[in-house]
Amino acid sequence: MVKAVRGFTLLEVLIALLVFGLIATAAAEVGSQYIASYERVRDKTLAGWLADNRINELRLQEDLPGISENTNDRDYGTYRWQVTTVVQGTAEPSMRRVEVTVARYINGQTEPMPVHTLSAFMGER
């Protein structure tokens, strides 16, 4: 008596390939979202440090900063950033409102993408 050799039918193979394709697509999407999330958190962290540094620079000055707005480009980490500092007056003449906005240049673009804004109040010592 000879046993019949059995294998997978074409339909079974096609269904297995379909299931594998769906799983691979879902895994690629999850990986892509993870990378985008990581980049967002990295940029927010570095931009937050830059903004904190700028406000602390102003706090360490002897005098209260004058009302002004200025923008500087800085290299921080492996990236190029634009740091904009706006010093505004308040109803109290011995206090200033400071707003620092940090934006990152992406892939050689001329206009940076805003990432983080930090506000603080400073008074005379």
C-alpha atoms as a PDB file:
ATOM      1  CA  MET A   1       0.000   0.000   0.000  1.00  0.00           C
ATOM      2  CA  VAL A   2       1.414   3.364  -1.062  1.00  0.00           C
ATOM      3  CA  LYS A   3       0.725   6.454   1.055  1.00  0.00           C
ATOM      4  CA  ALA A   4      -0.342   9.591  -0.802  1.00  0.00           C
ATOM      5  CA  VAL A   5       1.998  12.523  -0.362  1.00  0.00           C
ATOM      6  CA  ARG A   6       0.186  15.581   0.875  1.00  0.00           C
ATOM      7  CA  GLY A   7       1.300  19.195   0.672  1.00  0.00           C
ATOM      8  CA  PHE A   8      -0.202  22.622   0.882  1.00  0.00           C
ATOM      9  CA  THR A   9      -2.717  23.621  -1.717  1.00  0.00           C
ATOM     10  CA  LEU A  10      -2.287  26.854  -3.642  1.00  0.00           C
ATOM     11  CA  LEU A  11      -5.158  28.408  -1.707  1.00  0.00           C
ATOM     12  CA  GLU A  12      -3.521  27.608   1.648  1.00  0.00           C
ATOM     13  CA  VAL A  13      -0.233  29.145   0.483  1.00  0.00           C
ATOM     14  CA  LEU A  14      -1.977  32.323  -0.729  1.00  0.00           C
ATOM     15  CA  ILE A  15      -3.848  32.718   2.578  1.00  0.00           C
ATOM     16  CA  ALA A  16      -0.607  32.252   4.534  1.00  0.00           C
ATOM     17  CA  LEU A  17       1.101  34.927   2.385  1.00  0.00           C
ATOM     18  CA  LEU A  18      -1.833  37.302   2.924  1.00  0.00           C
ATOM     19  CA  VAL A  19      -1.657  36.864   6.707  1.00  0.00           C
ATOM     20  CA  PHE A  20       2.123  37.350   6.687  1.00  0.00           C
ATOM     21  CA  GLY A  21       1.762  40.488   4.541  1.00  0.00           C
ATOM     22  CA  LEU A  22      -0.796  42.000   6.917  1.00  0.00           C
ATOM     23  CA  ILE A  23       1.400  41.302   9.947  1.00  0.00           C
ATOM     24  CA  ALA A  24       4.489  42.751   8.227  1.00  0.00           C
ATOM     25  CA  THR A  25       2.565  45.901   7.237  1.00  0.00           C
ATOM     26  CA  ALA A  26       1.316  46.411  10.786  1.00  0.00           C
ATOM     27  CA  ALA A  27       4.814  45.888  12.217  1.00  0.00           C
ATOM     28  CA  ALA A  28       6.296  48.427   9.781  1.00  0.00           C
ATOM     29  CA  GLU A  29       3.637  50.994  10.755  1.00  0.00           C
ATOM     30  CA  VAL A  30       4.324  50.517  14.476  1.00  0.00           C
ATOM     31  CA  GLY A  31       8.060  50.903  13.866  1.00  0.00           C
ATOM     32  CA  SER A  32       7.507  54.088  11.878  1.00  0.00           C
ATOM     33  CA  GLN A  33       5.321  55.569  14.630  1.00  0.00           C
ATOM     34  CA  TYR A  34       7.942  54.671  17.242  1.00  0.00           C
ATOM     35  CA  ILE A  35      10.683  56.465  15.295  1.00  0.00           C
ATOM     36  CA  ALA A  36       8.513  59.574  14.763  1.00  0.00           C
ATOM     37  CA  SER A  37       7.617  59.623  18.465  1.00  0.00           C
ATOM     38  CA  TYR A  38      11.273  59.297  19.460  1.00  0.00           C
ATOM     39  CA  GLU A  39      12.262  62.193  17.184  1.00  0.00           C
ATOM     40  CA  ARG A  40       9.490  64.389  18.591  1.00  0.00           C
ATOM     41  CA  VAL A  41      10.520  63.709  22.192  1.00  0.00           C
ATOM     42  CA  ARG A  42      14.208  64.275  21.362  1.00  0.00           C
ATOM     43  CA  ASP A  43      13.474  67.615  19.695  1.00  0.00           C
ATOM     44  CA  LYS A  44      11.213  68.773  22.553  1.00  0.00           C
ATOM     45  CA  THR A  45      13.860  67.856  25.116  1.00  0.00           C
ATOM     46  CA  LEU A  46      16.713  69.641  23.331  1.00  0.00           C
ATOM     47  CA  ALA A  47      14.532  72.690  22.604  1.00  0.00           C
ATOM     48  CA  GLY A  48      13.461  72.818  26.262  1.00  0.00           C
ATOM     49  CA  TRP A  49      17.089  72.819  27.372  1.00  0.00           C
ATOM     50  CA  LEU A  50      17.934  75.614  24.934  1.00  0.00           C
ATOM     51  CA  ALA A  51      15.008  77.730  26.177  1.00  0.00           C
ATOM     52  CA  ASP A  52      15.961  77.108  29.825  1.00  0.00           C
ATOM     53  CA  ASN A  53      19.561  78.063  29.076  1.00  0.00           C
ATOM     54  CA  ARG A  54      18.512  81.318  27.409  1.00  0.00           C
ATOM     55  CA  ILE A  55      16.263  82.363  30.307  1.00  0.00           C
ATOM     56  CA  ASN A  56      19.006  81.533  32.794  1.00  0.00           C
ATOM     57  CA  GLU A  57      21.478  83.631  30.772  1.00  0.00           C
ATOM     58  CA  LEU A  58      19.124  86.592  31.154  1.00  0.00           C
ATOM     59  CA  ARG A  59      18.631  85.925  34.881  1.00  0.00           C
ATOM     60  CA  LEU A  60      22.400  85.942  35.432  1.00  0.00           C
ATOM     61  CA  GLN A  61      22.790  89.437  33.981  1.00  0.00           C
ATOM     62  CA  GLU A  62      23.409  92.216  36.462  1.00  0.00           C
ATOM     63  CA  ASP A  63      20.606  94.428  35.139  1.00  0.00           C
ATOM     64  CA  LEU A  64      17.028  93.743  34.185  1.00  0.00           C
ATOM     65  CA  PRO A  65      16.907  93.001  30.429  1.00  0.00           C
ATOM     66  CA  GLY A  66      15.626  95.812  28.229  1.00  0.00           C
ATOM     67  CA  ILE A  67      12.465  95.478  26.182  1.00  0.00           C
ATOM     68  CA  SER A  68      13.596  93.879  22.939  1.00  0.00           C
ATOM     69  CA  GLU A  69      13.316  91.013  20.473  1.00  0.00           C
ATOM     70  CA  ASN A  70      16.269  89.128  19.025  1.00  0.00           C
ATOM     71  CA  THR A  71      16.936  85.924  17.144  1.00  0.00           C
ATOM     72  CA  ASN A  72      20.098  83.819  17.164  1.00  0.00           C
ATOM     73  CA  ASP A  73      21.026  80.599  15.384  1.00  0.00           C
ATOM     74  CA  ARG A  74      22.785  77.982  17.492  1.00  0.00           C
ATOM     75  CA  ASP A  75      24.217  74.534  17.039  1.00  0.00           C
ATOM     76  CA  TYR A  76      23.101  72.239  19.823  1.00  0.00           C
ATOM     77  CA  GLY A  77      23.550  68.509  19.695  1.00  0.00           C
ATOM     78  CA  THR A  78      23.904  67.630  16.042  1.00  0.00           C
ATOM     79  CA  TYR A  79      21.195  70.079  14.959  1.00  0.00           C
ATOM     80  CA  ARG A  80      20.854  73.758  14.011  1.00  0.00           C
ATOM     81  CA  TRP A  81      18.338  75.771  16.063  1.00  0.00           C
ATOM     82  CA  GLN A  82      16.846  79.244  15.958  1.00  0.00           C
ATOM     83  CA  VAL A  83      16.317  80.815  19.398  1.00  0.00           C
ATOM     84  CA  THR A  84      14.046  83.879  19.500  1.00  0.00           C
ATOM     85  CA  THR A  85      13.907  85.909  22.705  1.00  0.00           C
ATOM     86  CA  VAL A  86      11.142  88.476  23.265  1.00  0.00           C
ATOM     87  CA  VAL A  87      11.410  90.704  26.363  1.00  0.00           C
ATOM     88  CA  GLN A  88       8.216  92.639  27.119  1.00  0.00           C
ATOM     89  CA  GLY A  89       7.334  95.194  29.735  1.00  0.00           C
ATOM     90  CA  THR A  90       4.651  94.574  32.331  1.00  0.00           C
ATOM     91  CA  ALA A  91       2.337  96.795  34.376  1.00  0.00           C
ATOM     92  CA  GLU A  92       5.041  96.664  37.068  1.00  0.00           C
ATOM     93  CA  PRO A  93       8.025  98.677  35.766  1.00  0.00           C
ATOM     94  CA  SER A  94      10.535  96.571  37.712  1.00  0.00           C
ATOM     95  CA  MET A  95       9.417  93.315  36.013  1.00  0.00           C
ATOM     96  CA  ARG A  96       9.770  91.870  32.529  1.00  0.00           C
ATOM     97  CA  ARG A  97       7.995  89.055  30.733  1.00  0.00           C
ATOM     98  CA  VAL A  98      10.407  86.932  28.693  1.00  0.00           C
ATOM     99  CA  GLU A  99       9.293  84.493  26.012  1.00  0.00           C
ATOM    100  CA  VAL A 100      11.807  82.201  24.336  1.00  0.00           C
ATOM    101  CA  THR A 101      10.775  80.291  21.215  1.00  0.00           C
ATOM    102  CA  VAL A 102      13.044  77.537  19.897  1.00  0.00           C
ATOM    103  CA  ALA A 103      12.718  76.252  16.331  1.00  0.00           C
ATOM    104  CA  ARG A 104      14.735  73.588  14.508  1.00  0.00           C
ATOM    105  CA  TYR A 105      16.078  73.756  10.978  1.00  0.00           C
ATOM    106  CA  ILE A 106      15.138  70.515   9.228  1.00  0.00           C
ATOM    107  CA  ASN A 107      16.975  69.133   6.181  1.00  0.00           C
ATOM    108  CA  GLY A 108      18.511  72.427   5.096  1.00  0.00           C
ATOM    109  CA  GLN A 109      15.218  74.349   4.971  1.00  0.00           C
ATOM    110  CA  THR A 110      15.476  78.115   5.217  1.00  0.00           C
ATOM    111  CA  GLU A 111      12.543  78.413   7.643  1.00  0.00           C
ATOM    112  CA  PRO A 112      12.840  76.476  10.909  1.00  0.00           C
ATOM    113  CA  MET A 113       9.975  74.528  12.467  1.00  0.00           C
ATOM    114  CA  PRO A 114       8.893  75.807  15.934  1.00  0.00           C
ATOM    115  CA  VAL A 115       9.381  73.137  18.594  1.00  0.00           C
ATOM    116  CA  HIS A 116       9.092  74.742  22.053  1.00  0.00           C
ATOM    117  CA  THR A 117       8.141  78.029  23.733  1.00  0.00           C
ATOM    118  CA  LEU A 118       8.979  78.954  27.330  1.00  0.00           C
ATOM    119  CA  SER A 119       7.803  82.043  29.227  1.00  0.00           C
ATOM    120  CA  ALA A 120       9.168  83.529  32.440  1.00  0.00           C
ATOM    121  CA  PHE A 121       8.941  86.687  34.529  1.00  0.00           C
ATOM    122  CA  MET A 122      11.994  88.512  35.839  1.00  0.00           C
ATOM    123  CA  GLY A 123      12.243  91.261  38.386  1.00  0.00           C
ATOM    124  CA  GLU A 124      14.914  93.534  39.752  1.00  0.00           C
ATOM    125  CA  ARG A 125      17.022  92.093  42.529  1.00  0.00           C
END
